Amino acid sequence: MQVPDEQYMRMAIEKAKEGVANGQTPFGACIVKDGTVVSCVHNVVWQTTDITAHAEVHAIREACKTLDTVDLSGCVIYSTCEPCPMCFSAIHWARISKIVYGTSISDAENVGFNELHISNNTMKNLGNSPVEVVGGFLRDESQELFDMFHNLEQKKVY
C-alpha cells in the first residue's frame, strides 16, 4: 500500500516540531524512495554550529548514507518550507526527482528568517533542472511551525 503524500509531509512537520522542542529552528524534511522513508530529520544548524545543516541538506546527507550513494534519483523530498537556493542546489545535484513543500520562502522571510528570495521554480527554470516542484502542500500546518517557534522564542530569557 502506498502511503499518501500527506503522511510523509506530516512526518516532516513532526520532525520540525521535535527540532523546535530541542532548540532548533522550525524546519523538517523527509526523503522517500519507492514508498520507503530513507531519512526524516529536522534542521540542526544551531545544534551543530553548521550553517549548512538545513533540514533538506541534513536529510540528503542521511539518505545518501542510508542508500550508500550520492544519486538519489527516484526520491521525493518533503520539506516543511520551500528549500532555499543552497538546499535546492543540493537537491538538484543529488538528482532528487521531486520536491513537495509547505510554506514558501516568502512566508519564512515574512516571519523574520534571513532568506534569499529566489523561488524553487525560478531556480528550476534558470538552471534547467528536471526536478518537479510542488508548493503550498499542507501549507497551513507548516505555517503553524513558525508560530510554535516564535511562541517558544518569546518565552526564552537571555
C-alpha atoms as a PDB file:
ATOM      1  CA  MET A   1       0.000   0.000   0.000  1.00  0.00           C
ATOM      2  CA  GLN A   2       1.365   3.422  -0.994  1.00  0.00           C
ATOM      3  CA  VAL A   3       1.420   5.965   1.830  1.00  0.00           C
ATOM      4  CA  PRO A   4      -0.137   9.258   0.731  1.00  0.00           C
ATOM      5  CA  ASP A   5       1.925  12.431   0.397  1.00  0.00           C
ATOM      6  CA  GLU A   6       0.096  13.884   3.411  1.00  0.00           C
ATOM      7  CA  GLN A   7       1.608  11.297   5.734  1.00  0.00           C
ATOM      8  CA  TYR A   8       5.163  11.958   4.559  1.00  0.00           C
ATOM      9  CA  MET A   9       4.694  15.710   4.884  1.00  0.00           C
ATOM     10  CA  ARG A  10       3.216  15.250   8.339  1.00  0.00           C
ATOM     11  CA  MET A  11       6.299  13.210   9.273  1.00  0.00           C
ATOM     12  CA  ALA A  12       8.456  16.184   8.231  1.00  0.00           C
ATOM     13  CA  ILE A  13       6.198  18.512  10.242  1.00  0.00           C
ATOM     14  CA  GLU A  14       6.537  16.283  13.316  1.00  0.00           C
ATOM     15  CA  LYS A  15      10.330  16.293  12.925  1.00  0.00           C
ATOM     16  CA  ALA A  16      10.272  20.090  12.729  1.00  0.00           C
ATOM     17  CA  LYS A  17       8.221  20.197  15.943  1.00  0.00           C
ATOM     18  CA  GLU A  18      10.769  17.881  17.570  1.00  0.00           C
ATOM     19  CA  GLY A  19      13.519  20.232  16.416  1.00  0.00           C
ATOM     20  CA  VAL A  20      11.777  23.280  17.869  1.00  0.00           C
ATOM     21  CA  ALA A  21      11.296  21.436  21.164  1.00  0.00           C
ATOM     22  CA  ASN A  22      15.054  20.796  21.143  1.00  0.00           C
ATOM     23  CA  GLY A  23      16.010  24.414  20.483  1.00  0.00           C
ATOM     24  CA  GLN A  24      16.285  24.301  16.701  1.00  0.00           C
ATOM     25  CA  THR A  25      14.535  26.336  14.018  1.00  0.00           C
ATOM     26  CA  PRO A  26      11.155  25.136  12.639  1.00  0.00           C
ATOM     27  CA  PHE A  27      12.172  23.197   9.544  1.00  0.00           C
ATOM     28  CA  GLY A  28      11.824  19.491   8.771  1.00  0.00           C
ATOM     29  CA  ALA A  29      12.411  17.262   5.762  1.00  0.00           C
ATOM     30  CA  CYS A  30      11.583  13.683   4.832  1.00  0.00           C
ATOM     31  CA  ILE A  31      13.063  11.780   1.879  1.00  0.00           C
ATOM     32  CA  VAL A  32      11.141   8.840   0.449  1.00  0.00           C
ATOM     33  CA  LYS A  33      12.113   6.315  -2.227  1.00  0.00           C
ATOM     34  CA  ASP A  34       9.686   3.737  -3.606  1.00  0.00           C
ATOM     35  CA  GLY A  35       7.324   4.204  -0.666  1.00  0.00           C
ATOM     36  CA  THR A  36      10.070   3.806   1.963  1.00  0.00           C
ATOM     37  CA  VAL A  37      11.259   6.633   4.199  1.00  0.00           C
ATOM     38  CA  VAL A  38      15.047   6.795   3.887  1.00  0.00           C
ATOM     39  CA  SER A  39      15.543   9.858   6.099  1.00  0.00           C
ATOM     40  CA  CYS A  40      13.364  12.148   8.153  1.00  0.00           C
ATOM     41  CA  VAL A  41      15.090  14.908  10.114  1.00  0.00           C
ATOM     42  CA  HIS A  42      14.916  18.491  11.321  1.00  0.00           C
ATOM     43  CA  ASN A  43      17.211  21.452  10.944  1.00  0.00           C
ATOM     44  CA  VAL A  44      20.338  21.112  13.153  1.00  0.00           C
ATOM     45  CA  VAL A  45      22.121  24.399  12.380  1.00  0.00           C
ATOM     46  CA  TRP A  46      22.280  25.602  15.978  1.00  0.00           C
ATOM     47  CA  GLN A  47      22.986  22.144  17.402  1.00  0.00           C
ATOM     48  CA  THR A  48      25.951  21.569  15.091  1.00  0.00           C
ATOM     49  CA  THR A  49      27.016  25.206  14.576  1.00  0.00           C
ATOM     50  CA  ASP A  50      26.968  24.304  10.879  1.00  0.00           C
ATOM     51  CA  ILE A  51      25.113  26.918   8.848  1.00  0.00           C
ATOM     52  CA  THR A  52      24.664  24.375   6.026  1.00  0.00           C
ATOM     53  CA  ALA A  53      22.793  21.890   8.254  1.00  0.00           C
ATOM     54  CA  HIS A  54      19.370  22.913   6.987  1.00  0.00           C
ATOM     55  CA  ALA A  55      16.741  20.176   7.210  1.00  0.00           C
ATOM     56  CA  GLU A  56      16.966  19.382   3.492  1.00  0.00           C
ATOM     57  CA  VAL A  57      20.782  19.114   3.454  1.00  0.00           C
ATOM     58  CA  HIS A  58      20.713  17.072   6.667  1.00  0.00           C
ATOM     59  CA  ALA A  59      18.073  14.772   5.110  1.00  0.00           C
ATOM     60  CA  ILE A  60      20.148  14.391   1.918  1.00  0.00           C
ATOM     61  CA  ARG A  61      23.261  13.501   3.937  1.00  0.00           C
ATOM     62  CA  GLU A  62      21.325  10.861   5.871  1.00  0.00           C
ATOM     63  CA  ALA A  63      19.635   9.465   2.741  1.00  0.00           C
ATOM     64  CA  CYS A  64      22.980   9.174   0.934  1.00  0.00           C
ATOM     65  CA  LYS A  65      24.420   7.254   3.909  1.00  0.00           C
ATOM     66  CA  THR A  66      21.357   5.013   4.159  1.00  0.00           C
ATOM     67  CA  LEU A  67      21.299   4.214   0.445  1.00  0.00           C
ATOM     68  CA  ASP A  68      25.131   4.243   0.131  1.00  0.00           C
ATOM     69  CA  THR A  69      25.020   6.533  -2.905  1.00  0.00           C
ATOM     70  CA  VAL A  70      25.096  10.197  -3.864  1.00  0.00           C
ATOM     71  CA  ASP A  71      22.475   9.576  -6.561  1.00  0.00           C
ATOM     72  CA  LEU A  72      19.015   9.947  -5.055  1.00  0.00           C
ATOM     73  CA  SER A  73      17.163   9.544  -8.365  1.00  0.00           C
ATOM     74  CA  GLY A  74      13.589   8.431  -7.816  1.00  0.00           C
ATOM     75  CA  CYS A  75      13.422  10.042  -4.368  1.00  0.00           C
ATOM     76  CA  VAL A  76      10.910  12.647  -3.245  1.00  0.00           C
ATOM     77  CA  ILE A  77      11.796  15.210  -0.589  1.00  0.00           C
ATOM     78  CA  TYR A  78       9.016  16.599   1.596  1.00  0.00           C
ATOM     79  CA  SER A  79      10.039  19.867   3.201  1.00  0.00           C
ATOM     80  CA  THR A  80       8.040  21.991   5.605  1.00  0.00           C
ATOM     81  CA  CYS A  81       9.310  25.110   3.823  1.00  0.00           C
ATOM     82  CA  GLU A  82      10.386  25.849   0.279  1.00  0.00           C
ATOM     83  CA  PRO A  83      14.066  24.920   0.042  1.00  0.00           C
ATOM     84  CA  CYS A  84      16.487  27.841  -0.020  1.00  0.00           C
ATOM     85  CA  PRO A  85      18.826  28.186  -3.037  1.00  0.00           C
ATOM     86  CA  MET A  86      21.546  26.173  -1.247  1.00  0.00           C
ATOM     87  CA  CYS A  87      19.139  23.343  -0.493  1.00  0.00           C
ATOM     88  CA  PHE A  88      17.572  23.454  -3.948  1.00  0.00           C
ATOM     89  CA  SER A  89      21.056  23.117  -5.447  1.00  0.00           C
ATOM     90  CA  ALA A  90      21.834  20.128  -3.204  1.00  0.00           C
ATOM     91  CA  ILE A  91      18.504  18.546  -4.208  1.00  0.00           C
ATOM     92  CA  HIS A  92      19.355  19.095  -7.874  1.00  0.00           C
ATOM     93  CA  TRP A  93      22.891  17.696  -7.508  1.00  0.00           C
ATOM     94  CA  ALA A  94      21.558  14.653  -5.628  1.00  0.00           C
ATOM     95  CA  ARG A  95      19.157  14.104  -8.555  1.00  0.00           C
ATOM     96  CA  ILE A  96      16.101  14.013  -6.297  1.00  0.00           C
ATOM     97  CA  SER A  97      13.102  13.720  -8.599  1.00  0.00           C
ATOM     98  CA  LYS A  98      10.511  15.805  -6.769  1.00  0.00           C
ATOM     99  CA  ILE A  99      10.213  18.489  -4.082  1.00  0.00           C
ATOM    100  CA  VAL A 100       6.968  18.833  -2.121  1.00  0.00           C
ATOM    101  CA  TYR A 101       6.986  21.788   0.277  1.00  0.00           C
ATOM    102  CA  GLY A 102       4.607  23.569   2.647  1.00  0.00           C
ATOM    103  CA  THR A 103       5.361  27.240   3.293  1.00  0.00           C
ATOM    104  CA  SER A 104       7.185  29.444   0.800  1.00  0.00           C
ATOM    105  CA  ILE A 105      10.464  31.321   1.042  1.00  0.00           C
ATOM    106  CA  SER A 106       8.311  34.480   1.290  1.00  0.00           C
ATOM    107  CA  ASP A 107       6.459  33.002   4.281  1.00  0.00           C
ATOM    108  CA  ALA A 108       9.781  32.339   6.056  1.00  0.00           C
ATOM    109  CA  GLU A 109      11.034  35.809   5.210  1.00  0.00           C
ATOM    110  CA  ASN A 110       7.776  37.344   6.494  1.00  0.00           C
ATOM    111  CA  VAL A 111       8.334  35.814   9.946  1.00  0.00           C
ATOM    112  CA  GLY A 112      11.922  37.039  10.149  1.00  0.00           C
ATOM    113  CA  PHE A 113      14.163  34.373   8.641  1.00  0.00           C
ATOM    114  CA  ASN A 114      17.101  35.628   6.563  1.00  0.00           C
ATOM    115  CA  GLU A 115      16.131  34.377   3.121  1.00  0.00           C
ATOM    116  CA  LEU A 116      17.442  34.830  -0.390  1.00  0.00           C
ATOM    117  CA  HIS A 117      14.214  35.482  -2.207  1.00  0.00           C
ATOM    118  CA  ILE A 118      14.723  33.097  -5.133  1.00  0.00           C
ATOM    119  CA  SER A 119      11.890  30.615  -5.593  1.00  0.00           C
ATOM    120  CA  ASN A 120      12.382  26.957  -6.449  1.00  0.00           C
ATOM    121  CA  ASN A 121      10.537  27.465  -9.715  1.00  0.00           C
ATOM    122  CA  THR A 122      12.926  30.296 -10.634  1.00  0.00           C
ATOM    123  CA  MET A 123      15.940  28.106  -9.764  1.00  0.00           C
ATOM    124  CA  LYS A 124      14.428  25.204 -11.720  1.00  0.00           C
ATOM    125  CA  ASN A 125      13.823  27.353 -14.792  1.00  0.00           C
ATOM    126  CA  LEU A 126      17.129  29.254 -14.713  1.00  0.00           C
ATOM    127  CA  GLY A 127      19.117  26.063 -14.167  1.00  0.00           C
ATOM    128  CA  ASN A 128      17.033  23.874 -16.464  1.00  0.00           C
ATOM    129  CA  SER A 129      16.625  21.389 -13.598  1.00  0.00           C
ATOM    130  CA  PRO A 130      14.399  18.352 -14.161  1.00  0.00           C
ATOM    131  CA  VAL A 131      13.157  18.300 -10.540  1.00  0.00           C
ATOM    132  CA  GLU A 132       9.382  18.526 -10.159  1.00  0.00           C
ATOM    133  CA  VAL A 133       8.295  21.221  -7.698  1.00  0.00           C
ATOM    134  CA  VAL A 134       5.001  21.136  -5.787  1.00  0.00           C
ATOM    135  CA  GLY A 135       4.474  24.049  -3.401  1.00  0.00           C
ATOM    136  CA  GLY A 136       1.907  25.025  -0.809  1.00  0.00           C
ATOM    137  CA  PHE A 137       1.286  21.430   0.256  1.00  0.00           C
ATOM    138  CA  LEU A 138      -0.222  21.370   3.787  1.00  0.00           C
ATOM    139  CA  ARG A 139       0.861  24.998   3.965  1.00  0.00           C
ATOM    140  CA  ASP A 140      -1.312  25.885   6.978  1.00  0.00           C
ATOM    141  CA  GLU A 141       0.158  23.060   9.063  1.00  0.00           C
ATOM    142  CA  SER A 142       3.655  24.097   8.049  1.00  0.00           C
ATOM    143  CA  GLN A 143       2.874  27.744   8.838  1.00  0.00           C
ATOM    144  CA  GLU A 144       1.900  26.700  12.375  1.00  0.00           C
ATOM    145  CA  LEU A 145       5.548  25.665  12.894  1.00  0.00           C
ATOM    146  CA  PHE A 146       6.600  29.311  12.604  1.00  0.00           C
ATOM    147  CA  ASP A 147       4.022  30.286  15.244  1.00  0.00           C
ATOM    148  CA  MET A 148       5.197  27.485  17.529  1.00  0.00           C
ATOM    149  CA  PHE A 149       8.826  28.566  17.123  1.00  0.00           C
ATOM    150  CA  HIS A 150       8.114  32.243  17.783  1.00  0.00           C
ATOM    151  CA  ASN A 151       5.984  31.462  20.840  1.00  0.00           C
ATOM    152  CA  LEU A 152       8.836  29.432  22.347  1.00  0.00           C
ATOM    153  CA  GLU A 153      11.445  32.046  21.422  1.00  0.00           C
ATOM    154  CA  GLN A 154       9.423  34.769  23.174  1.00  0.00           C
ATOM    155  CA  LYS A 155       9.438  32.728  26.398  1.00  0.00           C
ATOM    156  CA  LYS A 156      13.243  32.415  26.481  1.00  0.00           C
ATOM    157  CA  VAL A 157      15.177  34.580  28.879  1.00  0.00           C
ATOM    158  CA  TYR A 158      18.520  35.747  27.555  1.00  0.00           C
END
